[in-house]
Amino acid sequence: MCDNPSQYNPYQQLDHYIDNLPYKKENLIAILHHAQQLFGYLPDKVQRHIAQKLDIPSAKVYGVVSFYSFFTMKPRGKHVVNVCMGTACFVRGSEKLQKELEKQLGIKTGQTTQDELFSLDSLRCIGACGLAPVMMVDGKVHGRLNNPEEIKQILEYYRQPSAKEGTPS
């Protein structure tokens, strides 16, 4: 048997992670985070697997997944775009920013592009009020976004196959 969990399928990797936790049921959120990293999202099948593995009701797993906004039950795009809807951003035009992103991506907030390259969501506050309005792509903050051309350039950067982390020039 292989001792390298990276060579297992995602379910085996998840089981290996759970099996090595001292307190399993008490670590449900950590387990869900790990599962979402492995699968990209938490479909019903994965939630049922976790519930079975922890010997808890699947409704409890679903309750945690549906309560915390970090968890998603739908596949996400390669790049996750979040628009800040905090007070400073909202006052400075985050609603226009969101509409422009929806237009340029061809999706509504909460959806993923057909090519699975982008998912668009909103957040309450990113904490970059001085840069309002702000969007975050894969954890990178992009601020003072009032010009549709700037938004287009940022999205074009993330469309490049080499785009990982970093700031578009």
N, C-alpha and C. Protein backbone atom coordinates (compact mmCIF):
# COMPACT_ATOMS: atom_id res chain seq x y z
N MET A 1 0.84 -1.19 0.00
CA MET A 1 0.00 0.00 0.00
C MET A 1 0.88 1.24 0.00
N CYS A 2 0.42 2.26 -0.66
CA CYS A 2 1.16 3.50 -0.81
C CYS A 2 0.99 4.36 0.44
N ASP A 3 2.08 4.89 0.97
CA ASP A 3 2.01 5.75 2.15
C ASP A 3 1.97 7.23 1.79
N ASN A 4 2.01 7.55 0.52
CA ASN A 4 1.99 8.94 0.07
C ASN A 4 0.56 9.35 -0.25
N PRO A 5 -0.10 10.17 0.63
CA PRO A 5 -1.50 10.52 0.40
C PRO A 5 -1.72 11.32 -0.88
N SER A 6 -0.69 11.98 -1.42
CA SER A 6 -0.87 12.77 -2.63
C SER A 6 -1.12 11.87 -3.84
N GLN A 7 -0.84 10.58 -3.72
CA GLN A 7 -1.07 9.65 -4.82
C GLN A 7 -2.46 9.02 -4.74
N TYR A 8 -3.20 9.26 -3.66
CA TYR A 8 -4.55 8.72 -3.50
C TYR A 8 -5.53 9.57 -4.29
N ASN A 9 -6.73 9.03 -4.52
CA ASN A 9 -7.78 9.87 -5.09
C ASN A 9 -8.25 10.84 -3.99
N PRO A 10 -9.04 11.85 -4.33
CA PRO A 10 -9.43 12.84 -3.31
C PRO A 10 -10.13 12.25 -2.08
N TYR A 11 -10.94 11.21 -2.28
CA TYR A 11 -11.62 10.60 -1.14
C TYR A 11 -10.60 9.92 -0.22
N GLN A 12 -9.60 9.28 -0.80
CA GLN A 12 -8.55 8.65 0.01
C GLN A 12 -7.73 9.71 0.75
N GLN A 13 -7.47 10.83 0.07
CA GLN A 13 -6.73 11.91 0.73
C GLN A 13 -7.54 12.47 1.89
N LEU A 14 -8.84 12.63 1.69
CA LEU A 14 -9.71 13.12 2.75
C LEU A 14 -9.75 12.14 3.92
N ASP A 15 -9.91 10.86 3.61
CA ASP A 15 -9.93 9.85 4.67
C ASP A 15 -8.62 9.83 5.44
N HIS A 16 -7.51 9.95 4.74
CA HIS A 16 -6.19 9.98 5.38
C HIS A 16 -6.10 11.18 6.33
N TYR A 17 -6.59 12.33 5.89
CA TYR A 17 -6.59 13.55 6.72
C TYR A 17 -7.44 13.32 7.98
N ILE A 18 -8.64 12.80 7.80
CA ILE A 18 -9.55 12.57 8.93
C ILE A 18 -8.96 11.54 9.89
N ASP A 19 -8.42 10.47 9.34
CA ASP A 19 -7.87 9.40 10.18
C ASP A 19 -6.71 9.88 11.05
N ASN A 20 -6.03 10.92 10.63
CA ASN A 20 -4.89 11.43 11.39
C ASN A 20 -5.23 12.55 12.35
N LEU A 21 -6.52 12.86 12.49
CA LEU A 21 -6.95 13.88 13.45
C LEU A 21 -7.21 13.21 14.81
N PRO A 22 -6.74 13.82 15.89
CA PRO A 22 -7.00 13.22 17.21
C PRO A 22 -8.48 13.28 17.60
N TYR A 23 -9.15 14.39 17.27
CA TYR A 23 -10.57 14.56 17.59
C TYR A 23 -11.30 14.82 16.29
N LYS A 24 -12.03 13.83 15.82
CA LYS A 24 -12.62 13.92 14.50
C LYS A 24 -13.88 14.79 14.45
N LYS A 25 -14.87 14.46 15.25
CA LYS A 25 -16.13 15.20 15.21
C LYS A 25 -15.95 16.67 15.57
N GLU A 26 -15.01 16.94 16.46
CA GLU A 26 -14.75 18.31 16.90
C GLU A 26 -14.05 19.14 15.82
N ASN A 27 -13.56 18.49 14.79
CA ASN A 27 -12.83 19.18 13.72
C ASN A 27 -13.63 19.23 12.41
N LEU A 28 -14.93 19.24 12.50
CA LEU A 28 -15.76 19.23 11.30
C LEU A 28 -15.43 20.38 10.37
N ILE A 29 -15.28 21.58 10.88
CA ILE A 29 -15.00 22.74 10.02
C ILE A 29 -13.64 22.57 9.33
N ALA A 30 -12.63 22.13 10.06
CA ALA A 30 -11.32 21.90 9.46
C ALA A 30 -11.41 20.82 8.38
N ILE A 31 -12.18 19.79 8.64
CA ILE A 31 -12.36 18.71 7.66
C ILE A 31 -13.05 19.24 6.41
N LEU A 32 -14.06 20.08 6.60
CA LEU A 32 -14.76 20.67 5.46
C LEU A 32 -13.84 21.57 4.64
N HIS A 33 -13.01 22.35 5.33
CA HIS A 33 -12.03 23.19 4.62
C HIS A 33 -11.11 22.32 3.77
N HIS A 34 -10.62 21.26 4.37
CA HIS A 34 -9.71 20.35 3.65
C HIS A 34 -10.42 19.71 2.46
N ALA A 35 -11.64 19.27 2.67
CA ALA A 35 -12.41 18.65 1.59
C ALA A 35 -12.64 19.64 0.45
N GLN A 36 -12.94 20.89 0.78
CA GLN A 36 -13.16 21.88 -0.26
C GLN A 36 -11.87 22.16 -1.03
N GLN A 37 -10.74 22.11 -0.35
CA GLN A 37 -9.46 22.26 -1.06
C GLN A 37 -9.25 21.10 -2.03
N LEU A 38 -9.60 19.91 -1.63
CA LEU A 38 -9.40 18.73 -2.46
C LEU A 38 -10.36 18.68 -3.65
N PHE A 39 -11.63 18.98 -3.41
CA PHE A 39 -12.65 18.82 -4.43
C PHE A 39 -13.02 20.12 -5.14
N GLY A 40 -12.66 21.26 -4.54
CA GLY A 40 -13.01 22.55 -5.12
C GLY A 40 -14.35 23.07 -4.64
N TYR A 41 -15.18 22.19 -4.14
CA TYR A 41 -16.49 22.53 -3.59
C TYR A 41 -16.98 21.33 -2.79
N LEU A 42 -18.17 21.46 -2.16
CA LEU A 42 -18.66 20.40 -1.28
C LEU A 42 -20.02 19.89 -1.76
N PRO A 43 -20.03 19.04 -2.79
CA PRO A 43 -21.30 18.48 -3.26
C PRO A 43 -21.89 17.53 -2.23
N ASP A 44 -23.14 17.17 -2.42
CA ASP A 44 -23.85 16.27 -1.49
C ASP A 44 -23.07 15.00 -1.22
N LYS A 45 -22.49 14.41 -2.27
CA LYS A 45 -21.78 13.15 -2.13
C LYS A 45 -20.61 13.28 -1.14
N VAL A 46 -19.87 14.37 -1.22
CA VAL A 46 -18.74 14.60 -0.31
C VAL A 46 -19.26 14.83 1.10
N GLN A 47 -20.34 15.59 1.24
CA GLN A 47 -20.91 15.84 2.57
C GLN A 47 -21.38 14.53 3.22
N ARG A 48 -22.03 13.67 2.43
CA ARG A 48 -22.48 12.38 2.97
C ARG A 48 -21.28 11.51 3.37
N HIS A 49 -20.21 11.56 2.59
CA HIS A 49 -19.01 10.79 2.89
C HIS A 49 -18.42 11.24 4.23
N ILE A 50 -18.34 12.55 4.43
CA ILE A 50 -17.80 13.09 5.68
C ILE A 50 -18.69 12.69 6.86
N ALA A 51 -20.00 12.81 6.68
CA ALA A 51 -20.93 12.43 7.75
C ALA A 51 -20.77 10.96 8.12
N GLN A 52 -20.66 10.12 7.13
CA GLN A 52 -20.49 8.69 7.36
C GLN A 52 -19.17 8.42 8.08
N LYS A 53 -18.13 9.07 7.62
CA LYS A 53 -16.79 8.87 8.19
C LYS A 53 -16.75 9.32 9.67
N LEU A 54 -17.50 10.38 9.99
CA LEU A 54 -17.51 10.91 11.37
C LEU A 54 -18.64 10.32 12.20
N ASP A 55 -19.50 9.53 11.58
CA ASP A 55 -20.65 8.94 12.26
C ASP A 55 -21.54 10.02 12.87
N ILE A 56 -21.86 11.00 12.04
CA ILE A 56 -22.78 12.08 12.43
C ILE A 56 -23.85 12.20 11.35
N PRO A 57 -24.99 12.80 11.66
CA PRO A 57 -26.03 12.96 10.64
C PRO A 57 -25.56 13.86 9.49
N SER A 58 -25.91 13.51 8.27
CA SER A 58 -25.52 14.34 7.13
C SER A 58 -26.17 15.72 7.21
N ALA A 59 -27.30 15.83 7.91
CA ALA A 59 -27.95 17.13 8.09
C ALA A 59 -27.05 18.09 8.89
N LYS A 60 -26.28 17.54 9.82
CA LYS A 60 -25.36 18.38 10.60
C LYS A 60 -24.26 18.94 9.69
N VAL A 61 -23.73 18.09 8.82
CA VAL A 61 -22.69 18.53 7.88
C VAL A 61 -23.27 19.60 6.96
N TYR A 62 -24.45 19.32 6.41
CA TYR A 62 -25.11 20.28 5.53
C TYR A 62 -25.37 21.60 6.25
N GLY A 63 -25.78 21.54 7.49
CA GLY A 63 -26.04 22.75 8.28
C GLY A 63 -24.82 23.63 8.39
N VAL A 64 -23.67 23.03 8.62
CA VAL A 64 -22.42 23.79 8.73
C VAL A 64 -22.03 24.36 7.36
N VAL A 65 -22.12 23.54 6.33
CA VAL A 65 -21.75 23.98 4.97
C VAL A 65 -22.63 25.13 4.52
N SER A 66 -23.93 25.03 4.78
CA SER A 66 -24.85 26.07 4.32
C SER A 66 -24.80 27.33 5.20
N PHE A 67 -24.32 27.21 6.43
CA PHE A 67 -24.24 28.37 7.33
C PHE A 67 -23.07 29.27 7.00
N TYR A 68 -21.90 28.70 6.76
CA TYR A 68 -20.69 29.50 6.53
C TYR A 68 -20.54 29.83 5.06
N SER A 69 -20.41 31.12 4.76
CA SER A 69 -20.33 31.55 3.36
C SER A 69 -19.05 31.12 2.67
N PHE A 70 -18.03 30.74 3.42
CA PHE A 70 -16.79 30.29 2.80
C PHE A 70 -17.00 28.99 2.02
N PHE A 71 -17.90 28.16 2.51
CA PHE A 71 -18.14 26.87 1.86
C PHE A 71 -19.09 27.03 0.69
N THR A 72 -18.85 26.25 -0.35
CA THR A 72 -19.73 26.30 -1.51
C THR A 72 -20.12 24.89 -1.92
N MET A 73 -21.35 24.76 -2.36
CA MET A 73 -21.86 23.46 -2.81
C MET A 73 -21.90 23.39 -4.33
N LYS A 74 -21.43 24.46 -4.98
CA LYS A 74 -21.39 24.50 -6.44
C LYS A 74 -19.94 24.61 -6.89
N PRO A 75 -19.62 24.04 -8.05
CA PRO A 75 -18.24 24.18 -8.56
C PRO A 75 -17.89 25.65 -8.74
N ARG A 76 -16.66 25.98 -8.44
CA ARG A 76 -16.18 27.36 -8.57
C ARG A 76 -15.24 27.44 -9.76
N GLY A 77 -15.07 28.65 -10.25
CA GLY A 77 -14.14 28.87 -11.35
C GLY A 77 -12.70 28.81 -10.87
N LYS A 78 -11.79 28.77 -11.81
CA LYS A 78 -10.37 28.76 -11.49
C LYS A 78 -10.01 30.03 -10.71
N HIS A 79 -10.63 31.15 -11.07
CA HIS A 79 -10.39 32.42 -10.39
C HIS A 79 -11.69 32.89 -9.74
N VAL A 80 -11.63 33.20 -8.46
CA VAL A 80 -12.80 33.68 -7.73
C VAL A 80 -12.70 35.19 -7.57
N VAL A 81 -13.69 35.89 -8.10
CA VAL A 81 -13.76 37.35 -8.05
C VAL A 81 -14.81 37.72 -7.02
N ASN A 82 -14.41 38.52 -6.03
CA ASN A 82 -15.34 39.00 -5.01
C ASN A 82 -15.39 40.51 -5.05
N VAL A 83 -16.59 41.07 -5.05
CA VAL A 83 -16.78 42.51 -5.00
C VAL A 83 -17.11 42.88 -3.57
N CYS A 84 -16.41 43.88 -3.04
CA CYS A 84 -16.69 44.35 -1.68
C CYS A 84 -17.96 45.19 -1.69
N MET A 85 -18.87 44.86 -0.79
CA MET A 85 -20.11 45.61 -0.65
C MET A 85 -20.19 46.31 0.70
N GLY A 86 -19.04 46.50 1.32
CA GLY A 86 -18.99 47.25 2.58
C GLY A 86 -19.42 48.69 2.35
N THR A 87 -19.64 49.42 3.42
CA THR A 87 -20.17 50.78 3.32
C THR A 87 -19.32 51.68 2.44
N ALA A 88 -18.02 51.74 2.68
CA ALA A 88 -17.16 52.65 1.91
C ALA A 88 -17.19 52.28 0.42
N CYS A 89 -17.10 51.00 0.11
CA CYS A 89 -17.12 50.57 -1.28
C CYS A 89 -18.48 50.83 -1.92
N PHE A 90 -19.54 50.57 -1.16
CA PHE A 90 -20.88 50.77 -1.70
C PHE A 90 -21.10 52.24 -2.04
N VAL A 91 -20.71 53.12 -1.13
CA VAL A 91 -20.86 54.57 -1.35
C VAL A 91 -20.05 55.03 -2.56
N ARG A 92 -18.91 54.38 -2.77
CA ARG A 92 -18.02 54.79 -3.87
C ARG A 92 -18.23 53.99 -5.16
N GLY A 93 -19.30 53.22 -5.23
CA GLY A 93 -19.66 52.63 -6.51
C GLY A 93 -19.47 51.14 -6.69
N SER A 94 -19.47 50.38 -5.62
CA SER A 94 -19.27 48.93 -5.79
C SER A 94 -20.42 48.27 -6.54
N GLU A 95 -21.60 48.87 -6.48
CA GLU A 95 -22.74 48.32 -7.21
C GLU A 95 -22.50 48.44 -8.72
N LYS A 96 -21.92 49.57 -9.15
CA LYS A 96 -21.58 49.74 -10.57
C LYS A 96 -20.46 48.77 -10.96
N LEU A 97 -19.50 48.60 -10.06
CA LEU A 97 -18.40 47.66 -10.30
C LEU A 97 -18.95 46.24 -10.50
N GLN A 98 -19.87 45.86 -9.62
CA GLN A 98 -20.48 44.53 -9.71
C GLN A 98 -21.22 44.35 -11.04
N LYS A 99 -22.00 45.35 -11.42
CA LYS A 99 -22.75 45.29 -12.70
C LYS A 99 -21.80 45.20 -13.88
N GLU A 100 -20.68 45.95 -13.82
CA GLU A 100 -19.70 45.91 -14.91
C GLU A 100 -19.05 44.53 -15.00
N LEU A 101 -18.72 43.94 -13.85
CA LEU A 101 -18.15 42.59 -13.85
C LEU A 101 -19.14 41.58 -14.41
N GLU A 102 -20.40 41.70 -14.01
CA GLU A 102 -21.43 40.80 -14.55
C GLU A 102 -21.51 40.93 -16.07
N LYS A 103 -21.44 42.16 -16.55
CA LYS A 103 -21.50 42.42 -18.00
C LYS A 103 -20.28 41.83 -18.71
N GLN A 104 -19.08 42.10 -18.18
CA GLN A 104 -17.87 41.64 -18.84
C GLN A 104 -17.70 40.11 -18.75
N LEU A 105 -18.17 39.51 -17.67
CA LEU A 105 -18.04 38.06 -17.51
C LEU A 105 -19.21 37.29 -18.12
N GLY A 106 -20.33 38.00 -18.34
CA GLY A 106 -21.51 37.36 -18.90
C GLY A 106 -22.23 36.46 -17.92
N ILE A 107 -22.11 36.75 -16.62
CA ILE A 107 -22.77 35.97 -15.57
C ILE A 107 -23.34 36.91 -14.52
N LYS A 108 -24.16 36.39 -13.66
CA LYS A 108 -24.67 37.13 -12.51
C LYS A 108 -23.84 36.77 -11.28
N THR A 109 -23.89 37.61 -10.27
CA THR A 109 -23.21 37.33 -9.01
C THR A 109 -23.73 36.00 -8.45
N GLY A 110 -22.78 35.16 -8.00
CA GLY A 110 -23.13 33.84 -7.50
C GLY A 110 -22.98 32.76 -8.55
N GLN A 111 -22.63 33.15 -9.78
CA GLN A 111 -22.49 32.18 -10.86
C GLN A 111 -21.03 32.00 -11.28
N THR A 112 -20.80 30.99 -12.11
CA THR A 112 -19.49 30.68 -12.68
C THR A 112 -19.60 30.73 -14.19
N THR A 113 -18.57 31.27 -14.84
CA THR A 113 -18.58 31.35 -16.30
C THR A 113 -18.62 29.94 -16.89
N GLN A 114 -19.14 29.84 -18.10
CA GLN A 114 -19.28 28.52 -18.75
C GLN A 114 -17.94 27.82 -18.92
N ASP A 115 -16.87 28.60 -19.14
CA ASP A 115 -15.54 27.99 -19.31
C ASP A 115 -14.90 27.65 -17.96
N GLU A 116 -15.64 27.90 -16.87
CA GLU A 116 -15.20 27.63 -15.50
C GLU A 116 -13.92 28.37 -15.13
N LEU A 117 -13.71 29.53 -15.76
CA LEU A 117 -12.53 30.33 -15.47
C LEU A 117 -12.78 31.28 -14.31
N PHE A 118 -14.00 31.86 -14.23
CA PHE A 118 -14.31 32.84 -13.18
C PHE A 118 -15.60 32.49 -12.45
N SER A 119 -15.58 32.72 -11.13
CA SER A 119 -16.80 32.74 -10.31
C SER A 119 -16.90 34.14 -9.75
N LEU A 120 -18.09 34.68 -9.68
CA LEU A 120 -18.31 36.04 -9.19
C LEU A 120 -19.18 36.00 -7.95
N ASP A 121 -18.68 36.63 -6.88
CA ASP A 121 -19.41 36.71 -5.62
C ASP A 121 -19.23 38.10 -5.03
N SER A 122 -19.89 38.34 -3.92
CA SER A 122 -19.70 39.60 -3.19
C SER A 122 -19.42 39.28 -1.73
N LEU A 123 -18.77 40.21 -1.08
CA LEU A 123 -18.43 40.10 0.34
C LEU A 123 -18.91 41.34 1.07
N ARG A 124 -19.07 41.21 2.37
CA ARG A 124 -19.49 42.35 3.18
C ARG A 124 -18.41 43.42 3.27
N CYS A 125 -17.20 43.03 3.57
CA CYS A 125 -16.12 44.00 3.69
C CYS A 125 -14.78 43.30 3.53
N ILE A 126 -13.95 43.84 2.67
CA ILE A 126 -12.62 43.29 2.45
C ILE A 126 -11.61 43.93 3.39
N GLY A 127 -11.92 45.14 3.87
CA GLY A 127 -11.03 45.84 4.79
C GLY A 127 -10.03 46.72 4.08
N ALA A 128 -10.35 47.13 2.87
CA ALA A 128 -9.48 48.03 2.11
C ALA A 128 -10.26 49.28 1.74
N CYS A 129 -10.88 49.87 2.73
CA CYS A 129 -11.81 50.99 2.52
C CYS A 129 -11.17 52.18 1.81
N GLY A 130 -9.90 52.42 2.04
CA GLY A 130 -9.20 53.54 1.40
C GLY A 130 -9.04 53.35 -0.09
N LEU A 131 -9.25 52.13 -0.59
CA LEU A 131 -9.10 51.84 -2.02
C LEU A 131 -10.45 51.68 -2.72
N ALA A 132 -11.53 52.00 -2.03
CA ALA A 132 -12.88 51.76 -2.54
C ALA A 132 -13.13 52.45 -3.88
N PRO A 133 -13.92 51.79 -4.74
CA PRO A 133 -14.49 50.45 -4.65
C PRO A 133 -13.44 49.38 -4.97
N VAL A 134 -13.61 48.23 -4.35
CA VAL A 134 -12.60 47.19 -4.39
C VAL A 134 -13.19 45.87 -4.86
N MET A 135 -12.36 45.12 -5.60
CA MET A 135 -12.68 43.72 -5.88
C MET A 135 -11.44 42.92 -5.52
N MET A 136 -11.67 41.67 -5.23
CA MET A 136 -10.58 40.77 -4.87
C MET A 136 -10.64 39.58 -5.83
N VAL A 137 -9.49 39.25 -6.42
CA VAL A 137 -9.41 38.09 -7.30
C VAL A 137 -8.40 37.13 -6.69
N ASP A 138 -8.86 35.95 -6.33
CA ASP A 138 -7.99 34.93 -5.72
C ASP A 138 -7.21 35.48 -4.53
N GLY A 139 -7.86 36.34 -3.75
CA GLY A 139 -7.23 36.89 -2.56
C GLY A 139 -6.42 38.15 -2.79
N LYS A 140 -6.23 38.57 -4.03
CA LYS A 140 -5.49 39.80 -4.35
C LYS A 140 -6.47 40.95 -4.49
N VAL A 141 -6.21 42.05 -3.77
CA VAL A 141 -7.09 43.21 -3.78
C VAL A 141 -6.74 44.13 -4.95
N HIS A 142 -7.79 44.56 -5.64
CA HIS A 142 -7.66 45.53 -6.74
C HIS A 142 -8.60 46.68 -6.40
N GLY A 143 -8.06 47.89 -6.25
CA GLY A 143 -8.88 48.99 -5.77
C GLY A 143 -8.98 50.16 -6.73
N ARG A 144 -9.84 51.10 -6.31
CA ARG A 144 -10.15 52.32 -7.06
C ARG A 144 -10.61 51.97 -8.48
N LEU A 145 -11.56 51.07 -8.54
CA LEU A 145 -12.02 50.54 -9.83
C LEU A 145 -13.30 51.23 -10.28
N ASN A 146 -13.14 52.33 -10.96
CA ASN A 146 -14.28 53.08 -11.49
C ASN A 146 -14.32 53.08 -13.00
N ASN A 147 -13.27 52.55 -13.64
CA ASN A 147 -13.14 52.59 -15.09
C ASN A 147 -13.32 51.17 -15.66
N PRO A 148 -14.30 50.98 -16.54
CA PRO A 148 -14.52 49.65 -17.13
C PRO A 148 -13.28 49.09 -17.82
N GLU A 149 -12.44 49.96 -18.37
CA GLU A 149 -11.23 49.49 -19.06
C GLU A 149 -10.24 48.88 -18.07
N GLU A 150 -10.14 49.45 -16.87
CA GLU A 150 -9.27 48.87 -15.83
C GLU A 150 -9.74 47.48 -15.44
N ILE A 151 -11.04 47.33 -15.30
CA ILE A 151 -11.64 46.04 -14.94
C ILE A 151 -11.35 45.02 -16.04
N LYS A 152 -11.49 45.45 -17.28
CA LYS A 152 -11.21 44.58 -18.43
C LYS A 152 -9.76 44.12 -18.41
N GLN A 153 -8.82 45.02 -18.13
CA GLN A 153 -7.40 44.68 -18.10
C GLN A 153 -7.11 43.65 -17.00
N ILE A 154 -7.73 43.83 -15.85
CA ILE A 154 -7.52 42.89 -14.74
C ILE A 154 -8.04 41.50 -15.13
N LEU A 155 -9.23 41.44 -15.69
CA LEU A 155 -9.79 40.16 -16.11
C LEU A 155 -8.94 39.52 -17.21
N GLU A 156 -8.43 40.31 -18.13
CA GLU A 156 -7.57 39.78 -19.19
C GLU A 156 -6.30 39.16 -18.60
N TYR A 157 -5.77 39.79 -17.58
CA TYR A 157 -4.59 39.23 -16.93
C TYR A 157 -4.88 37.83 -16.40
N TYR A 158 -6.03 37.66 -15.74
CA TYR A 158 -6.39 36.36 -15.16
C TYR A 158 -6.84 35.36 -16.21
N ARG A 159 -7.11 35.80 -17.41
CA ARG A 159 -7.45 34.87 -18.50
C ARG A 159 -6.20 34.20 -19.08
N GLN A 160 -5.05 34.78 -18.84
CA GLN A 160 -3.80 34.21 -19.34
C GLN A 160 -3.52 32.89 -18.62
N PRO A 161 -3.08 31.88 -19.35
CA PRO A 161 -2.79 30.57 -18.72
C PRO A 161 -1.74 30.67 -17.61
N SER A 162 -0.85 31.63 -17.70
CA SER A 162 0.22 31.76 -16.71
C SER A 162 -0.22 32.52 -15.46
N ALA A 163 -1.43 33.08 -15.47
CA ALA A 163 -1.89 33.89 -14.33
C ALA A 163 -2.13 33.01 -13.13
N LYS A 164 -1.38 33.25 -12.08
CA LYS A 164 -1.57 32.55 -10.81
C LYS A 164 -1.81 33.60 -9.78
N GLU A 165 -0.79 33.92 -9.03
CA GLU A 165 -0.91 34.99 -8.07
C GLU A 165 -0.06 36.13 -8.57
N GLY A 166 -0.43 37.29 -8.21
CA GLY A 166 0.32 38.46 -8.63
C GLY A 166 -0.63 39.54 -9.04
N THR A 167 -0.08 40.65 -9.39
CA THR A 167 -0.88 41.79 -9.76
C THR A 167 -0.68 42.08 -11.24
N PRO A 168 -1.78 42.27 -11.95
CA PRO A 168 -1.63 42.61 -13.36
C PRO A 168 -0.95 43.96 -13.50
N SER A 169 -0.17 44.11 -14.56
CA SER A 169 0.52 45.39 -14.75
C SER A 169 -0.31 46.37 -15.51
